[in-house]
Amino acid sequence: MISSFTPGRRSLAKGALAGAATLLLGTDRASAADGASALDRATAPILRLPAPDGPCPVGAATLHLVDPSRDDPWEPKIGVRELMVTVLRPAAPGHGFPRAPQLTPGAAARFADIAQRIHPQLPGSGVDWAATLTHARTGAPPLPGRRPVLLYSPGGGDARTTGSSLAVDLASHGWTVLTVDHPGDASQVEFPDERPGRERVRPTALHGPPDAATFRTMIDTRVADLRFVLDVLGLDRVGVYGHSAGGTAAAQALHEDRRIATAVNLEGYLDQMDGELLPVARQGTDRPMLLAGTDGFRDARLDRSWAALLAHGGPVVRRQLDDAAHWVFTDYASLVPQLQGAGLMTAAGRAAMVGRAGPRLTVSAVRDLVRSFFAGHPRR
């Protein structure tokens, strides 16, 4: 079951806040999944995500959040701004709780149709995207007590599900992690049901690399989405991390909202496409931020915008992973090498997406980098 919350236009509903707080700490029922894969499952490889290495089992819940105060920027006919959020939290040991899929059958079928539009290196067929399981369990009861909270914003064109491995690992080490979809620029987002103006599985509105105006809309919308999650769930002193456009949004959200105590920007630019620096890069920050990149994606634009922020001093650090590329910060770090091993991707395609280093190195390196940064900068 998916829990839905819709606050009023001028104030948050107390019942929604109470229900959300319960969900963050309480039990959850498995979300519904519709649709069926058209692939021949007997021949398609089963792609596996790496297990977390923390001491805690992880439980998963799903939230459907509705902001009636905003129109959807990509499809105003919807009339509201909707978000889908996965809540991952440390769970009590137990048996009989199924592993949550990375993609439901309906979302997987839609992703299979557009995968090469999002990432041209991916195979156009031969993959059962619905078969991959995360290491989080639906319905698993949470460990008692409050946990520090992290929000995750995925890359432009990607869904929240592409960050499952890192999010589950963080939850296994004691954090409550909320992965946030940004419908309209996400590859696909599945909702509990249809509504006027959209399908149940909503595909991306992007049809190629964004222009300057589209990029501004993406970042402004993502920052507003993250702040709305803080509003409706009554959260404070949280950490935010994001990849690519999600990293850009995480950095700018830190600048705009004092409820965010620290941020990790995983290779997101800190300027607009026309070169105008974002306010966070122009003015700096007094709260901790990690800028993490790769040698395979580094360019003059990234260096310029990151250098502008670093020039202010303060608690900002930059780190780089070598022999790696842009999507090494996502689940593709482990999935792409498997696709290459199955003969479904070329070595050049793998290098372009995640670099040449093996997942045993890169997955651990990314996890250690993000985890150690958040552990070293607890909430204030």
Protein backbone atom coordinates (compact mmCIF):
# COMPACT_ATOMS: atom_id res chain seq x y z
CA MET A 1 0.00 0.00 0.00
CA ILE A 2 1.17 3.52 -0.81
CA SER A 3 0.45 6.20 1.77
CA SER A 4 -0.71 9.57 0.38
CA PHE A 5 -0.53 12.97 2.06
CA THR A 6 -2.03 16.20 0.72
CA PRO A 7 -1.54 19.32 2.90
CA GLY A 8 -3.76 22.37 2.62
CA ARG A 9 -2.67 25.39 0.60
CA ARG A 10 -1.87 27.60 3.59
CA SER A 11 -1.04 25.17 6.38
CA LEU A 12 -0.02 21.56 6.79
CA ALA A 13 -2.70 19.18 7.92
CA LYS A 14 -1.94 17.97 11.45
CA GLY A 15 -3.23 14.54 10.57
CA ALA A 16 -0.85 14.31 7.63
CA LEU A 17 2.09 15.27 9.80
CA ALA A 18 1.15 12.74 12.44
CA GLY A 19 0.64 10.03 9.84
CA ALA A 20 3.92 10.84 8.16
CA ALA A 21 5.81 10.73 11.44
CA THR A 22 4.27 7.35 12.18
CA LEU A 23 5.26 6.05 8.79
CA LEU A 24 8.85 7.21 9.19
CA LEU A 25 9.11 5.19 12.38
CA GLY A 26 6.37 2.59 12.00
CA THR A 27 5.51 -0.36 9.82
CA ASP A 28 4.52 -0.29 6.17
CA ARG A 29 2.71 -2.57 3.76
CA ALA A 30 4.09 -3.54 0.39
CA SER A 31 3.22 -1.19 -2.45
CA ALA A 32 1.09 -2.42 -5.31
CA ALA A 33 2.69 -3.30 -8.63
CA ASP A 34 0.86 -3.51 -11.91
CA GLY A 35 1.83 -4.50 -15.41
CA ALA A 36 3.91 -7.34 -16.76
CA SER A 37 7.23 -7.59 -18.54
CA ALA A 38 7.11 -8.46 -22.21
CA LEU A 39 10.62 -9.88 -22.09
CA ASP A 40 11.49 -13.55 -22.19
CA ARG A 41 12.54 -14.00 -18.58
CA ALA A 42 14.19 -17.32 -19.36
CA THR A 43 16.88 -15.60 -21.43
CA ALA A 44 17.21 -12.15 -19.87
CA PRO A 45 20.04 -11.82 -17.32
CA ILE A 46 19.10 -11.16 -13.70
CA LEU A 47 20.83 -7.94 -12.66
CA ARG A 48 21.82 -7.79 -9.00
CA LEU A 49 22.50 -4.87 -6.71
CA PRO A 50 25.29 -5.12 -4.12
CA ALA A 51 24.24 -5.88 -0.57
CA PRO A 52 24.65 -3.18 2.09
CA ASP A 53 27.48 -3.64 4.56
CA GLY A 54 25.92 -2.03 7.62
CA PRO A 55 24.75 -3.92 10.72
CA CYS A 56 21.02 -3.17 10.34
CA PRO A 57 18.42 -4.82 8.12
CA VAL A 58 16.52 -2.22 6.08
CA GLY A 59 12.78 -1.69 5.68
CA ALA A 60 11.09 0.17 2.83
CA ALA A 61 7.92 2.28 2.65
CA THR A 62 6.44 4.43 -0.11
CA LEU A 63 4.85 7.88 0.18
CA HIS A 64 2.69 9.75 -2.31
CA LEU A 65 2.90 13.46 -1.46
CA VAL A 66 0.67 16.08 -3.09
CA ASP A 67 1.34 19.83 -3.01
CA PRO A 68 -1.87 21.65 -3.99
CA SER A 69 -0.15 25.05 -3.82
CA ARG A 70 1.90 24.40 -6.97
CA ASP A 71 1.03 23.48 -10.52
CA ASP A 72 3.23 20.88 -12.14
CA PRO A 73 5.79 22.80 -14.23
CA TRP A 74 5.94 20.10 -16.93
CA GLU A 75 2.21 19.46 -17.22
CA PRO A 76 0.01 22.22 -15.74
CA LYS A 77 -3.15 20.28 -16.60
CA ILE A 78 -2.46 18.07 -13.56
CA GLY A 79 -3.23 21.05 -11.33
CA VAL A 80 -1.01 20.01 -8.40
CA ARG A 81 2.59 18.98 -7.85
CA GLU A 82 2.91 15.30 -6.90
CA LEU A 83 5.96 13.48 -5.56
CA MET A 84 6.74 9.83 -4.93
CA VAL A 85 9.15 9.11 -2.08
CA THR A 86 10.70 5.88 -0.84
CA VAL A 87 11.47 5.77 2.89
CA LEU A 88 14.32 3.45 3.85
CA ARG A 89 15.08 2.96 7.55
CA PRO A 90 16.83 0.52 9.90
CA ALA A 91 14.54 -2.42 10.61
CA ALA A 92 14.27 -4.99 13.35
CA PRO A 93 15.53 -8.49 12.44
CA GLY A 94 12.83 -10.77 11.17
CA HIS A 95 11.72 -13.14 8.46
CA GLY A 96 8.96 -13.24 5.88
CA PHE A 97 9.32 -9.71 4.53
CA PRO A 98 9.84 -9.63 0.76
CA ARG A 99 12.66 -7.70 -0.85
CA ALA A 100 11.45 -4.55 -2.55
CA PRO A 101 11.98 -4.45 -6.32
CA GLN A 102 14.11 -1.72 -7.80
CA LEU A 103 11.35 -1.16 -10.39
CA THR A 104 7.76 -2.35 -10.34
CA PRO A 105 6.62 -4.19 -13.50
CA GLY A 106 4.74 -1.13 -14.74
CA ALA A 107 7.68 1.21 -14.21
CA ALA A 108 10.09 -1.33 -15.69
CA ALA A 109 8.01 -1.70 -18.85
CA ARG A 110 7.97 2.05 -19.38
CA PHE A 111 11.69 2.35 -18.65
CA ALA A 112 12.46 -0.40 -21.19
CA ASP A 113 10.72 1.71 -23.84
CA ILE A 114 12.77 4.84 -23.14
CA ALA A 115 16.04 3.54 -21.63
CA GLN A 116 18.13 4.40 -24.67
CA ARG A 117 16.62 7.88 -24.84
CA ILE A 118 17.81 8.49 -21.29
CA HIS A 119 21.13 6.67 -21.64
CA PRO A 120 22.05 5.82 -25.26
CA GLN A 121 24.68 3.32 -24.09
CA LEU A 122 22.08 1.02 -22.51
CA PRO A 123 20.75 -1.96 -24.48
CA GLY A 124 17.48 -1.46 -26.30
CA SER A 125 16.28 -4.98 -25.47
CA GLY A 126 17.26 -8.17 -23.67
CA VAL A 127 16.98 -6.86 -20.09
CA ASP A 128 14.26 -7.70 -17.58
CA TRP A 129 14.34 -4.44 -15.64
CA ALA A 130 11.61 -5.70 -13.30
CA ALA A 131 13.70 -8.60 -12.02
CA THR A 132 16.25 -6.59 -10.02
CA LEU A 133 15.61 -6.58 -6.27
CA THR A 134 16.90 -4.14 -3.69
CA HIS A 135 18.12 -5.28 -0.27
CA ALA A 136 15.32 -3.44 1.55
CA ARG A 137 12.32 -5.37 2.88
CA THR A 138 8.76 -4.18 2.53
CA GLY A 139 6.77 -4.33 5.75
CA ALA A 140 9.78 -4.89 8.00
CA PRO A 141 9.16 -3.21 11.39
CA PRO A 142 11.58 -0.37 12.16
CA LEU A 143 14.03 -0.30 14.99
CA PRO A 144 12.71 1.92 17.81
CA GLY A 145 13.97 5.44 18.25
CA ARG A 146 14.53 8.41 16.00
CA ARG A 147 17.20 8.36 13.33
CA PRO A 148 19.05 11.11 11.48
CA VAL A 149 17.36 11.78 8.14
CA LEU A 150 18.87 12.12 4.66
CA LEU A 151 17.08 13.16 1.46
CA TYR A 152 18.24 12.00 -1.98
CA SER A 153 17.60 13.74 -5.31
CA PRO A 154 18.52 11.69 -8.43
CA GLY A 155 20.14 12.92 -11.62
CA GLY A 156 18.24 14.69 -14.37
CA GLY A 157 16.31 12.14 -16.41
CA ASP A 158 16.81 9.47 -13.76
CA ALA A 159 14.28 8.09 -11.28
CA ARG A 160 14.83 7.79 -7.54
CA THR A 161 15.24 4.04 -8.00
CA THR A 162 18.65 4.51 -9.66
CA GLY A 163 20.05 5.43 -6.24
CA SER A 164 18.75 2.39 -4.39
CA SER A 165 22.06 0.74 -3.53
CA LEU A 166 23.65 3.75 -1.84
CA ALA A 167 20.42 4.67 -0.05
CA VAL A 168 19.93 1.14 1.33
CA ASP A 169 23.55 1.06 2.47
CA LEU A 170 23.15 4.35 4.34
CA ALA A 171 19.99 3.03 5.99
CA SER A 172 21.85 -0.13 7.04
CA HIS A 173 24.25 2.14 8.93
CA GLY A 174 21.52 3.88 10.89
CA TRP A 175 20.12 6.71 8.76
CA THR A 176 16.54 7.11 7.60
CA VAL A 177 16.85 7.87 3.88
CA LEU A 178 14.13 9.44 1.74
CA THR A 179 14.68 9.06 -2.00
CA VAL A 180 12.63 11.66 -3.87
CA ASP A 181 11.35 11.43 -7.42
CA HIS A 182 10.92 14.59 -9.49
CA PRO A 183 8.11 13.68 -11.92
CA GLY A 184 8.36 15.24 -15.35
CA ASP A 185 12.12 15.07 -15.62
CA ALA A 186 12.46 11.58 -14.06
CA SER A 187 12.59 8.77 -16.62
CA GLN A 188 9.38 7.33 -15.21
CA VAL A 189 7.38 7.62 -11.99
CA GLU A 190 4.64 5.24 -10.95
CA PHE A 191 1.77 6.67 -8.90
CA PRO A 192 -0.92 4.81 -6.93
CA ASP A 193 -3.47 5.57 -9.66
CA GLU A 194 -4.23 7.78 -12.63
CA ARG A 195 -5.48 11.34 -12.38
CA PRO A 196 -6.54 13.95 -14.95
CA GLY A 197 -3.52 15.12 -16.91
CA ARG A 198 -1.29 12.09 -16.34
CA GLU A 199 -1.06 8.32 -16.60
CA ARG A 200 -0.41 6.03 -13.67
CA VAL A 201 3.18 5.56 -14.89
CA ARG A 202 4.27 9.01 -15.93
CA PRO A 203 7.17 9.21 -18.41
CA THR A 204 9.76 11.94 -18.66
CA ALA A 205 8.95 15.17 -20.43
CA LEU A 206 12.58 15.53 -21.54
CA HIS A 207 13.47 14.60 -25.09
CA GLY A 208 17.20 15.13 -25.07
CA PRO A 209 19.71 17.29 -23.19
CA PRO A 210 17.98 20.27 -21.56
CA ASP A 211 18.38 23.80 -22.86
CA ALA A 212 19.07 26.68 -20.48
CA ALA A 213 15.41 27.40 -19.72
CA THR A 214 14.65 23.72 -19.09
CA PHE A 215 17.63 23.38 -16.78
CA ARG A 216 16.46 26.36 -14.71
CA THR A 217 13.03 24.79 -14.41
CA MET A 218 14.57 21.48 -13.36
CA ILE A 219 16.68 22.97 -10.58
CA ASP A 220 14.04 25.40 -9.30
CA THR A 221 11.45 22.60 -9.23
CA ARG A 222 13.78 20.15 -7.50
CA VAL A 223 14.68 22.64 -4.76
CA ALA A 224 10.98 23.36 -4.21
CA ASP A 225 10.27 19.60 -4.14
CA LEU A 226 12.90 18.97 -1.47
CA ARG A 227 11.65 21.85 0.66
CA PHE A 228 8.08 20.58 0.33
CA VAL A 229 9.15 17.17 1.64
CA LEU A 230 10.65 18.91 4.68
CA ASP A 231 7.40 20.84 5.11
CA VAL A 232 4.93 17.99 4.86
CA LEU A 233 6.96 15.57 6.96
CA GLY A 234 7.92 18.14 9.58
CA LEU A 235 11.66 17.53 9.18
CA ASP A 236 14.55 19.61 10.47
CA ARG A 237 18.34 19.31 10.70
CA VAL A 238 18.54 16.87 7.80
CA GLY A 239 21.24 16.02 5.30
CA VAL A 240 20.63 16.15 1.55
CA TYR A 241 22.58 14.43 -1.19
CA GLY A 242 22.03 14.22 -4.91
CA HIS A 243 23.56 13.18 -8.19
CA SER A 244 24.09 15.46 -11.21
CA ALA A 245 21.05 17.80 -11.35
CA GLY A 246 20.14 16.32 -7.97
CA GLY A 247 23.53 17.38 -6.65
CA THR A 248 22.95 20.87 -8.00
CA ALA A 249 19.57 20.93 -6.25
CA ALA A 250 21.03 19.59 -2.99
CA ALA A 251 23.65 22.35 -2.91
CA GLN A 252 21.16 25.11 -3.70
CA ALA A 253 18.60 23.73 -1.23
CA LEU A 254 21.27 23.88 1.49
CA HIS A 255 21.73 27.55 0.63
CA GLU A 256 18.01 28.33 0.72
CA ASP A 257 16.80 26.31 3.69
CA ARG A 258 18.33 26.36 7.17
CA ARG A 259 16.59 23.10 8.01
CA ILE A 260 19.26 21.40 5.89
CA ALA A 261 22.39 20.93 7.97
CA THR A 262 24.74 19.41 5.39
CA ALA A 263 24.81 18.41 1.73
CA VAL A 264 26.66 16.15 -0.68
CA ASN A 265 26.82 17.18 -4.32
CA LEU A 266 27.69 14.18 -6.48
CA GLU A 267 28.94 15.85 -9.67
CA GLY A 268 26.29 18.53 -10.14
CA TYR A 269 27.13 21.87 -11.73
CA LEU A 270 26.78 24.98 -9.57
CA ASP A 271 25.77 27.31 -12.38
CA GLN A 272 23.10 27.69 -15.00
CA MET A 273 23.75 26.55 -18.54
CA ASP A 274 24.28 30.16 -19.60
CA GLY A 275 27.16 30.41 -17.12
CA GLU A 276 25.39 32.35 -14.36
CA LEU A 277 26.56 31.03 -11.01
CA LEU A 278 23.93 29.75 -8.63
CA PRO A 279 23.52 31.77 -5.40
CA VAL A 280 25.23 29.05 -3.37
CA ALA A 281 28.35 29.38 -5.55
CA ARG A 282 28.26 33.20 -5.55
CA GLN A 283 27.74 33.60 -1.82
CA GLY A 284 29.23 30.46 -0.26
CA THR A 285 27.90 28.44 2.66
CA ASP A 286 28.52 28.17 6.38
CA ARG A 287 27.35 24.56 6.52
CA PRO A 288 29.31 21.46 5.48
CA MET A 289 29.21 20.39 1.85
CA LEU A 290 31.03 17.69 -0.08
CA LEU A 291 31.72 18.13 -3.79
CA ALA A 292 32.45 14.67 -5.21
CA GLY A 293 33.34 14.11 -8.86
CA THR A 294 35.10 11.80 -11.29
CA ASP A 295 37.99 12.21 -13.67
CA GLY A 296 35.79 10.96 -16.52
CA PHE A 297 33.25 13.79 -16.24
CA ARG A 298 35.39 16.70 -15.09
CA ASP A 299 35.27 19.71 -17.41
CA ALA A 300 35.90 23.46 -17.40
CA ARG A 301 32.32 24.32 -16.48
CA LEU A 302 32.35 22.05 -13.44
CA ASP A 303 35.76 23.32 -12.33
CA ARG A 304 34.69 26.95 -12.66
CA SER A 305 31.44 26.62 -10.74
CA TRP A 306 32.95 24.47 -7.99
CA ALA A 307 35.98 26.73 -7.69
CA ALA A 308 33.67 29.71 -7.14
CA LEU A 309 32.14 28.00 -4.11
CA LEU A 310 35.47 26.76 -2.77
CA ALA A 311 36.93 30.28 -3.04
CA HIS A 312 34.65 31.40 -0.19
CA GLY A 313 36.33 28.97 2.19
CA GLY A 314 34.17 27.47 4.87
CA PRO A 315 33.33 23.81 5.45
CA VAL A 316 33.38 22.74 1.79
CA VAL A 317 35.63 19.96 0.47
CA ARG A 318 36.20 18.50 -2.98
CA ARG A 319 37.03 14.86 -3.73
CA GLN A 320 37.57 12.97 -6.99
CA LEU A 321 37.25 9.32 -8.00
CA ASP A 322 39.67 8.24 -10.73
CA ASP A 323 39.07 5.73 -13.52
CA ALA A 324 35.37 6.50 -13.07
CA ALA A 325 32.62 8.36 -14.90
CA HIS A 326 29.42 10.25 -14.13
CA TRP A 327 26.97 7.44 -13.30
CA VAL A 328 29.35 5.67 -10.94
CA PHE A 329 27.44 7.41 -8.15
CA THR A 330 24.29 5.44 -9.03
CA ASP A 331 23.17 1.83 -9.31
CA TYR A 332 24.66 1.78 -12.80
CA ALA A 333 28.06 1.34 -11.12
CA SER A 334 27.13 -2.30 -10.52
CA LEU A 335 24.50 -2.88 -13.23
CA VAL A 336 26.46 -1.66 -16.25
CA PRO A 337 29.40 -4.08 -15.78
CA GLN A 338 26.87 -6.92 -15.57
CA LEU A 339 25.28 -5.76 -18.82
CA GLN A 340 28.69 -5.69 -20.46
CA GLY A 341 29.45 -9.18 -19.11
CA ALA A 342 26.21 -10.43 -20.65
CA GLY A 343 27.19 -9.04 -24.04
CA LEU A 344 24.51 -6.35 -23.95
CA MET A 345 26.83 -3.34 -23.70
CA THR A 346 30.19 -2.47 -25.21
CA ALA A 347 33.33 -1.67 -23.24
CA ALA A 348 33.14 1.85 -24.62
CA GLY A 349 29.55 2.20 -23.41
CA ARG A 350 30.54 1.02 -19.97
CA ALA A 351 33.48 3.43 -19.81
CA ALA A 352 31.27 6.33 -20.87
CA MET A 353 28.73 5.66 -18.14
CA VAL A 354 30.73 4.45 -15.13
CA GLY A 355 34.39 4.31 -16.11
CA ARG A 356 36.74 1.36 -16.35
CA ALA A 357 37.28 0.65 -12.64
CA GLY A 358 35.43 -2.40 -11.34
CA PRO A 359 32.36 -2.18 -9.13
CA ARG A 360 34.12 -3.84 -6.21
CA LEU A 361 36.23 -0.68 -6.01
CA THR A 362 33.80 2.00 -7.10
CA VAL A 363 30.74 0.92 -5.11
CA SER A 364 32.78 0.76 -1.91
CA ALA A 365 34.53 4.04 -2.67
CA VAL A 366 31.27 5.94 -3.21
CA ARG A 367 29.64 4.42 -0.14
CA ASP A 368 32.63 5.19 2.07
CA LEU A 369 32.89 8.74 0.76
CA VAL A 370 29.26 9.67 1.34
CA ARG A 371 28.86 7.76 4.59
CA SER A 372 32.02 9.13 6.19
CA PHE A 373 31.09 12.69 5.26
CA PHE A 374 27.63 12.52 6.80
CA ALA A 375 28.98 10.66 9.86
CA GLY A 376 31.63 13.32 10.34
CA HIS A 377 29.08 16.14 10.23
CA PRO A 378 26.20 15.19 12.51
CA ARG A 379 23.07 17.31 12.76
CA ARG A 380 23.41 20.60 14.62
